Amino acid sequence: MKKSLKIASAFIGIVVGAGFASGQEILQYYTSFGYWGLAGVALAAVLFGYLGKVLTGLGSRLQTVSHEEVVYKIGGKVIGRIIDYTLILTLFGILVVMIAGAGSIFSQQFGLAPAFGRSVMTVLVILTIMLNVKKVITIIGSITPFLIVMVIGISAYSLLTMDASFTELDPIAKDQLSAAPNWFISAVNYVSLAIALTTSMALVMGGAEKDDKVAARGGMIGGIVFGILILLSYLAIFSKVDIVGGTDLPMLRLADNISPFLGIVMAIVIFSMIYNTAVSLLLSFSARFTEMGTNRFRIFVIVSGIIAFGLSFLGFTQLVNWFYPFVGYLGLVLVGALILADIRKVGKEREQ
């Protein structure tokens, strides 16, 4: 069970970094549907638990060291290529969103120009990869549990200090920008997006565990716990949607609403989570096209980082509203392939 919990913790850390920390994703995908958002959260929790189990279990059975071999095995030449390209697009696209999010932190919390925050994030990410500062990533990765504790605390405080009932807040919530036309499509799209983002790491994570049952159980626990975190964030934002609606970073605004000091702490935590995710994304994206450690790799990292910086000026909220759903729809091919792989019990032959 200890190994399963370790895998679950790692799985949560991957998903939390990009698609959750700011609260903007939860606002658009769940809270914007008011009461019906709760049904979306429940559906997402079930899907995350199931797909988390499938991903880590599959990685373990195939002893995965790269996502490439798996996507072509479960999807064939044509579908495998579509999935592979989708994962590549996801890596770069979410990197752009992360850089934009860094700009929003500096703007919303410190009143500085968004371009400053984006510049700082871009330079830090490129330098980290150039200098191969693995210890920094390890330290930042340990912040994930702290973020979870803060989400729980902020959610509890927000619910206990509600100024209006959910019935009164429901129309305000529904007036917010939504990522999809209804709660069902929104929940499925969000899960598809998150799975597309975590597939590479989750498969490799599962591949590091020889016992596929232990790996699968870890993925399932991680998925369900993440679903619970979505629920807490949804309730927190819903309970204060009259205050945080329209902001780039709702969770940061909630923290700031409790205490200016807590707001600064939350800003640092979210920035750290975004930084950690951005480094992993740019590193994985660059390694997909060039050999790590070479001059070509370094040039590719710098050029890709600069291009991502330029695209980040489209704006954080706008990128979440447009790019996230786009990747979510593309990711449905991957989700479908994973479900079929589970039904076909791909990799089971290796155990016999």
Protein backbone atom coordinates (compact mmCIF):
# COMPACT_ATOMS: atom_id res chain seq x y z
CA MET A 1 0.00 0.00 0.00
CA LYS A 2 2.93 2.31 0.72
CA LYS A 3 4.12 2.03 -2.90
CA SER A 4 0.62 2.70 -4.19
CA LEU A 5 0.32 5.85 -2.07
CA LYS A 6 3.70 7.05 -3.36
CA ILE A 7 2.49 6.63 -6.96
CA ALA A 8 -0.80 8.34 -6.04
CA SER A 9 1.08 11.31 -4.58
CA ALA A 10 3.24 11.64 -7.70
CA PHE A 11 0.16 11.40 -9.94
CA ILE A 12 -1.56 14.21 -8.00
CA GLY A 13 1.59 16.33 -8.20
CA ILE A 14 1.64 16.11 -12.00
CA VAL A 15 -2.03 17.04 -12.47
CA VAL A 16 -2.16 19.76 -9.81
CA GLY A 17 0.75 21.71 -11.29
CA ALA A 18 -0.85 22.79 -14.55
CA GLY A 19 -4.58 22.31 -14.49
CA PHE A 20 -5.61 23.23 -11.01
CA ALA A 21 -3.44 25.56 -8.92
CA SER A 22 -4.77 28.89 -10.20
CA GLY A 23 -8.47 28.10 -9.86
CA GLN A 24 -9.23 29.61 -13.29
CA GLU A 25 -9.65 26.12 -14.74
CA ILE A 26 -12.10 25.10 -12.00
CA LEU A 27 -14.04 28.34 -12.47
CA GLN A 28 -14.49 27.82 -16.21
CA TYR A 29 -14.97 24.04 -16.21
CA TYR A 30 -17.17 23.58 -13.12
CA THR A 31 -18.24 26.64 -11.12
CA SER A 32 -19.54 28.43 -14.22
CA PHE A 33 -22.35 25.83 -14.40
CA GLY A 34 -23.57 26.60 -10.89
CA TYR A 35 -25.24 23.66 -9.14
CA TRP A 36 -24.75 21.43 -12.20
CA GLY A 37 -21.01 21.90 -11.80
CA LEU A 38 -21.26 19.49 -8.87
CA ALA A 39 -22.42 16.74 -11.24
CA GLY A 40 -19.43 17.55 -13.43
CA VAL A 41 -17.07 17.23 -10.47
CA ALA A 42 -18.53 13.81 -9.56
CA LEU A 43 -18.17 12.57 -13.15
CA ALA A 44 -14.59 13.87 -13.33
CA ALA A 45 -13.63 12.14 -10.07
CA VAL A 46 -14.87 8.78 -11.36
CA LEU A 47 -13.10 9.22 -14.71
CA PHE A 48 -9.85 10.34 -13.08
CA GLY A 49 -9.89 7.31 -10.79
CA TYR A 50 -10.52 4.92 -13.67
CA LEU A 51 -8.08 6.45 -16.18
CA GLY A 52 -5.41 6.89 -13.50
CA LYS A 53 -5.68 3.15 -12.84
CA VAL A 54 -5.49 2.35 -16.56
CA LEU A 55 -2.47 4.59 -17.20
CA THR A 56 -0.22 3.47 -14.35
CA GLY A 57 -1.29 -0.17 -14.70
CA LEU A 58 -0.53 -0.12 -18.43
CA GLY A 59 2.84 1.51 -17.81
CA SER A 60 3.71 -1.20 -15.30
CA ARG A 61 2.65 -4.10 -17.54
CA LEU A 62 4.64 -2.74 -20.48
CA GLN A 63 7.54 -1.53 -18.30
CA THR A 64 7.34 1.83 -20.08
CA VAL A 65 10.34 4.16 -20.40
CA SER A 66 8.72 6.47 -23.00
CA HIS A 67 5.14 7.28 -24.02
CA GLU A 68 5.94 6.67 -27.70
CA GLU A 69 6.07 2.88 -27.53
CA VAL A 70 2.78 2.75 -25.62
CA VAL A 71 0.71 5.09 -27.80
CA TYR A 72 1.66 3.20 -30.95
CA LYS A 73 0.97 -0.12 -29.27
CA ILE A 74 -2.52 0.84 -28.09
CA GLY A 75 -3.47 2.97 -31.11
CA GLY A 76 -1.66 1.48 -34.07
CA LYS A 77 0.26 3.48 -36.66
CA VAL A 78 -2.40 6.07 -37.58
CA ILE A 79 -4.14 6.63 -34.23
CA GLY A 80 -0.81 6.32 -32.44
CA ARG A 81 0.59 9.15 -34.54
CA ILE A 82 -2.45 11.33 -33.80
CA ILE A 83 -2.02 10.68 -30.07
CA ASP A 84 1.73 11.32 -30.24
CA TYR A 85 1.21 14.67 -32.01
CA THR A 86 -1.55 15.56 -29.56
CA LEU A 87 0.81 14.98 -26.63
CA ILE A 88 3.52 17.09 -28.31
CA LEU A 89 1.03 19.93 -28.92
CA THR A 90 -0.15 19.64 -25.32
CA LEU A 91 3.38 19.97 -23.95
CA PHE A 92 4.06 23.19 -25.84
CA GLY A 93 0.55 24.66 -25.54
CA ILE A 94 0.32 24.22 -21.77
CA LEU A 95 3.83 25.71 -21.50
CA VAL A 96 2.45 28.88 -23.15
CA VAL A 97 -0.47 28.92 -20.69
CA MET A 98 1.90 28.47 -17.72
CA ILE A 99 4.02 31.45 -18.79
CA ALA A 100 0.85 33.54 -19.21
CA GLY A 101 -0.27 32.43 -15.73
CA ALA A 102 3.02 33.67 -14.24
CA GLY A 103 2.27 37.10 -15.71
CA SER A 104 -1.17 37.07 -14.09
CA ILE A 105 0.35 36.36 -10.66
CA PHE A 106 2.62 39.42 -10.82
CA SER A 107 -0.21 41.56 -12.16
CA GLN A 108 -2.97 40.46 -9.77
CA GLN A 109 -0.95 40.17 -6.57
CA PHE A 110 1.77 42.79 -6.95
CA GLY A 111 0.33 45.22 -9.49
CA LEU A 112 3.24 44.74 -11.89
CA ALA A 113 3.02 44.46 -15.66
CA PRO A 114 2.12 40.90 -16.77
CA ALA A 115 5.06 41.01 -19.23
CA PHE A 116 7.45 41.19 -16.26
CA GLY A 117 6.12 37.98 -14.71
CA ARG A 118 6.17 36.21 -18.07
CA SER A 119 9.78 37.32 -18.65
CA VAL A 120 10.90 36.12 -15.22
CA MET A 121 9.24 32.72 -15.73
CA THR A 122 10.66 32.26 -19.23
CA VAL A 123 14.21 33.11 -18.17
CA LEU A 124 14.02 30.91 -15.06
CA VAL A 125 12.71 27.92 -17.02
CA ILE A 126 15.34 28.21 -19.77
CA LEU A 127 18.19 28.66 -17.27
CA THR A 128 17.01 25.72 -15.16
CA ILE A 129 17.09 23.39 -18.17
CA MET A 130 20.43 24.80 -19.38
CA LEU A 131 22.06 24.39 -15.99
CA ASN A 132 20.31 21.05 -15.36
CA VAL A 133 19.32 22.17 -11.86
CA LYS A 134 17.54 18.97 -10.81
CA LYS A 135 17.74 19.79 -7.11
CA VAL A 136 15.61 22.89 -7.62
CA ILE A 137 12.88 20.81 -9.26
CA THR A 138 12.99 18.29 -6.42
CA ILE A 139 12.60 21.05 -3.83
CA ILE A 140 9.75 22.73 -5.73
CA GLY A 141 8.03 19.36 -6.17
CA SER A 142 7.81 19.05 -2.39
CA ILE A 143 5.52 22.11 -2.33
CA THR A 144 2.61 20.09 -3.76
CA PRO A 145 1.42 18.79 -0.34
CA PHE A 146 1.57 22.37 0.98
CA LEU A 147 -0.63 23.55 -1.88
CA ILE A 148 -3.14 20.80 -1.09
CA VAL A 149 -3.25 21.83 2.58
CA MET A 150 -3.82 25.46 1.56
CA VAL A 151 -6.64 24.49 -0.81
CA ILE A 152 -8.35 22.57 2.00
CA GLY A 153 -7.91 25.47 4.44
CA ILE A 154 -9.06 28.15 1.96
CA SER A 155 -12.09 26.02 1.02
CA ALA A 156 -13.12 25.54 4.64
CA TYR A 157 -12.74 29.25 5.43
CA SER A 158 -14.64 30.32 2.30
CA LEU A 159 -17.57 28.02 3.09
CA LEU A 160 -17.72 29.13 6.72
CA THR A 161 -17.69 32.84 5.83
CA MET A 162 -20.20 32.86 2.95
CA ASP A 163 -22.06 36.17 2.65
CA ALA A 164 -24.76 34.74 0.37
CA SER A 165 -26.42 31.37 -0.15
CA PHE A 166 -25.57 29.07 -3.07
CA THR A 167 -29.06 29.78 -4.44
CA GLU A 168 -28.24 33.50 -4.59
CA LEU A 169 -24.78 32.83 -6.02
CA ASP A 170 -25.98 30.36 -8.68
CA PRO A 171 -26.92 33.01 -11.31
CA ILE A 172 -23.62 34.84 -10.70
CA ALA A 173 -21.71 31.60 -11.19
CA LYS A 174 -23.56 30.88 -14.44
CA ASP A 175 -22.66 34.33 -15.69
CA GLN A 176 -18.93 33.44 -15.64
CA LEU A 177 -16.93 32.44 -18.73
CA SER A 178 -17.34 28.70 -19.45
CA ALA A 179 -14.94 26.34 -21.21
CA ALA A 180 -17.73 24.19 -22.74
CA PRO A 181 -21.46 24.40 -23.62
CA ASN A 182 -22.67 22.21 -20.72
CA TRP A 183 -21.45 20.54 -17.52
CA PHE A 184 -21.17 17.02 -19.02
CA ILE A 185 -19.00 18.01 -21.99
CA SER A 186 -17.02 20.31 -19.71
CA ALA A 187 -16.17 17.53 -17.22
CA VAL A 188 -15.20 15.05 -19.95
CA ASN A 189 -13.13 17.71 -21.73
CA TYR A 190 -11.27 18.63 -18.54
CA VAL A 191 -10.45 15.00 -17.78
CA SER A 192 -9.29 14.49 -21.37
CA LEU A 193 -7.08 17.58 -21.13
CA ALA A 194 -5.54 16.51 -17.82
CA ILE A 195 -4.94 12.95 -19.02
CA ALA A 196 -3.26 14.24 -22.20
CA LEU A 197 -0.98 16.32 -19.98
CA THR A 198 -0.15 13.53 -17.51
CA THR A 199 0.06 10.52 -19.85
CA SER A 200 3.80 10.70 -20.54
CA MET A 201 4.79 10.95 -16.86
CA ALA A 202 2.09 8.58 -15.58
CA LEU A 203 3.13 5.81 -17.98
CA VAL A 204 6.80 6.15 -17.06
CA MET A 205 5.82 6.31 -13.38
CA GLY A 206 3.88 3.07 -13.74
CA GLY A 207 6.78 1.53 -15.65
CA ALA A 208 9.00 2.01 -12.61
CA GLU A 209 6.76 -0.40 -10.62
CA LYS A 210 6.91 -4.11 -11.54
CA ASP A 211 3.65 -5.05 -9.83
CA ASP A 212 0.89 -3.77 -12.12
CA LYS A 213 -1.75 -4.11 -9.36
CA VAL A 214 0.25 -1.84 -7.06
CA ALA A 215 0.76 0.68 -9.88
CA ALA A 216 -2.90 0.59 -10.94
CA ARG A 217 -4.09 1.06 -7.37
CA GLY A 218 -1.79 4.07 -6.99
CA GLY A 219 -3.15 5.68 -10.14
CA MET A 220 -6.73 5.08 -9.04
CA ILE A 221 -6.17 6.56 -5.58
CA GLY A 222 -4.39 9.56 -7.09
CA GLY A 223 -7.24 10.16 -9.54
CA ILE A 224 -9.95 9.96 -6.87
CA VAL A 225 -8.05 12.24 -4.46
CA PHE A 226 -7.60 14.75 -7.26
CA GLY A 227 -11.36 14.59 -7.82
CA ILE A 228 -11.88 15.47 -4.15
CA LEU A 229 -9.51 18.43 -4.52
CA ILE A 230 -11.53 19.63 -7.51
CA LEU A 231 -14.66 19.42 -5.34
CA LEU A 232 -13.08 21.53 -2.59
CA SER A 233 -11.84 24.12 -5.07
CA TYR A 234 -15.25 24.20 -6.80
CA LEU A 235 -17.05 24.81 -3.49
CA ALA A 236 -14.54 27.47 -2.42
CA ILE A 237 -14.86 29.44 -5.67
CA PHE A 238 -18.65 28.96 -5.82
CA SER A 239 -19.06 30.24 -2.27
CA LYS A 240 -17.20 33.47 -3.13
CA VAL A 241 -17.93 33.74 -6.85
CA ASP A 242 -19.33 37.24 -6.30
CA ILE A 243 -15.82 38.25 -5.19
CA VAL A 244 -13.48 36.13 -7.35
CA GLY A 245 -15.56 36.02 -10.56
CA GLY A 246 -13.72 37.66 -13.42
CA THR A 247 -10.23 37.37 -11.87
CA ASP A 248 -7.41 35.46 -13.59
CA LEU A 249 -6.46 33.57 -10.42
CA PRO A 250 -9.54 32.89 -8.23
CA MET A 251 -7.67 30.80 -5.63
CA LEU A 252 -5.12 33.56 -5.18
CA ARG A 253 -7.91 36.11 -4.72
CA LEU A 254 -9.53 33.86 -2.10
CA ALA A 255 -6.25 33.61 -0.19
CA ASP A 256 -5.76 37.37 -0.41
CA ASN A 257 -9.32 37.87 0.84
CA ILE A 258 -8.44 35.95 4.02
CA SER A 259 -5.13 37.71 4.64
CA PRO A 260 -2.69 39.79 2.51
CA PHE A 261 0.16 37.69 3.93
CA LEU A 262 -1.60 34.45 2.97
CA GLY A 263 -2.12 35.96 -0.48
CA ILE A 264 1.63 36.48 -0.88
CA VAL A 265 2.32 32.91 0.32
CA MET A 266 -0.27 31.55 -2.10
CA ALA A 267 1.24 33.61 -4.94
CA ILE A 268 4.66 32.09 -4.23
CA VAL A 269 3.20 28.57 -4.08
CA ILE A 270 1.26 28.94 -7.35
CA PHE A 271 4.30 30.50 -9.06
CA SER A 272 6.44 27.59 -7.86
CA MET A 273 3.94 25.01 -9.12
CA ILE A 274 3.73 26.75 -12.49
CA TYR A 275 7.53 26.96 -12.67
CA ASN A 276 7.90 23.26 -11.87
CA THR A 277 5.35 22.31 -14.53
CA ALA A 278 6.82 24.68 -17.14
CA VAL A 279 10.32 23.22 -16.73
CA SER A 280 9.00 19.68 -17.19
CA LEU A 281 6.95 20.72 -20.24
CA LEU A 282 9.76 22.57 -22.06
CA LEU A 283 12.26 19.82 -21.21
CA SER A 284 9.97 17.04 -22.48
CA PHE A 285 9.00 19.02 -25.59
CA SER A 286 12.62 19.76 -26.51
CA ALA A 287 13.79 16.20 -25.78
CA ARG A 288 11.14 14.91 -28.20
CA PHE A 289 12.91 16.64 -31.12
CA THR A 290 16.57 16.88 -30.11
CA GLU A 291 19.11 14.90 -28.10
CA MET A 292 19.48 16.23 -24.57
CA GLY A 293 22.79 17.82 -23.64
CA THR A 294 23.75 18.82 -27.19
CA ASN A 295 24.16 22.36 -28.54
CA ARG A 296 21.18 21.75 -30.81
CA PHE A 297 19.11 20.88 -27.74
CA ARG A 298 20.12 24.11 -25.99
CA ILE A 299 19.30 26.23 -29.04
CA PHE A 300 15.95 24.43 -29.40
CA VAL A 301 15.14 25.15 -25.72
CA ILE A 302 15.94 28.86 -26.07
CA VAL A 303 13.99 29.29 -29.33
CA SER A 304 10.98 27.32 -28.02
CA GLY A 305 11.01 29.31 -24.78
CA ILE A 306 11.04 32.63 -26.66
CA ILE A 307 8.19 31.53 -28.96
CA ALA A 308 6.14 30.38 -25.95
CA PHE A 309 6.82 33.75 -24.27
CA GLY A 310 5.52 35.59 -27.33
CA LEU A 311 2.35 33.49 -27.55
CA SER A 312 1.68 33.98 -23.81
CA PHE A 313 0.62 37.58 -24.56
CA LEU A 314 -2.72 36.20 -25.73
CA GLY A 315 -3.64 36.28 -22.01
CA PHE A 316 -4.09 33.62 -19.33
CA THR A 317 -7.89 33.56 -19.05
CA GLN A 318 -8.29 33.64 -22.83
CA LEU A 319 -5.78 30.81 -23.32
CA VAL A 320 -7.51 28.64 -20.72
CA ASN A 321 -10.86 29.32 -22.38
CA TRP A 322 -9.65 28.51 -25.90
CA PHE A 323 -6.62 26.24 -25.80
CA TYR A 324 -7.58 23.97 -22.90
CA PRO A 325 -10.89 22.84 -24.50
CA PHE A 326 -9.12 22.41 -27.86
CA VAL A 327 -6.57 20.03 -26.36
CA GLY A 328 -9.37 18.37 -24.37
CA TYR A 329 -11.24 17.49 -27.57
CA LEU A 330 -8.05 16.20 -29.23
CA GLY A 331 -7.29 14.18 -26.10
CA LEU A 332 -10.53 12.22 -26.49
CA VAL A 333 -8.69 10.06 -29.04
CA LEU A 334 -6.17 9.17 -26.34
CA VAL A 335 -8.89 8.52 -23.74
CA GLY A 336 -10.72 6.24 -26.19
CA ALA A 337 -7.51 4.33 -26.95
CA LEU A 338 -6.81 3.89 -23.22
CA ILE A 339 -10.32 2.54 -22.57
CA LEU A 340 -9.97 0.07 -25.48
CA ALA A 341 -6.52 -0.95 -24.22
CA ASP A 342 -8.04 -1.67 -20.81
CA ILE A 343 -10.86 -3.73 -22.36
CA ARG A 344 -8.35 -5.65 -24.50
CA LYS A 345 -6.04 -6.04 -21.49
CA VAL A 346 -3.02 -4.83 -23.43
CA GLY A 347 0.20 -6.03 -21.81
CA LYS A 348 -1.39 -8.92 -19.95
CA GLU A 349 0.36 -11.37 -22.29
CA ARG A 350 3.67 -10.35 -20.71
CA GLU A 351 2.51 -11.59 -17.34
CA GLN A 352 1.61 -15.05 -18.62
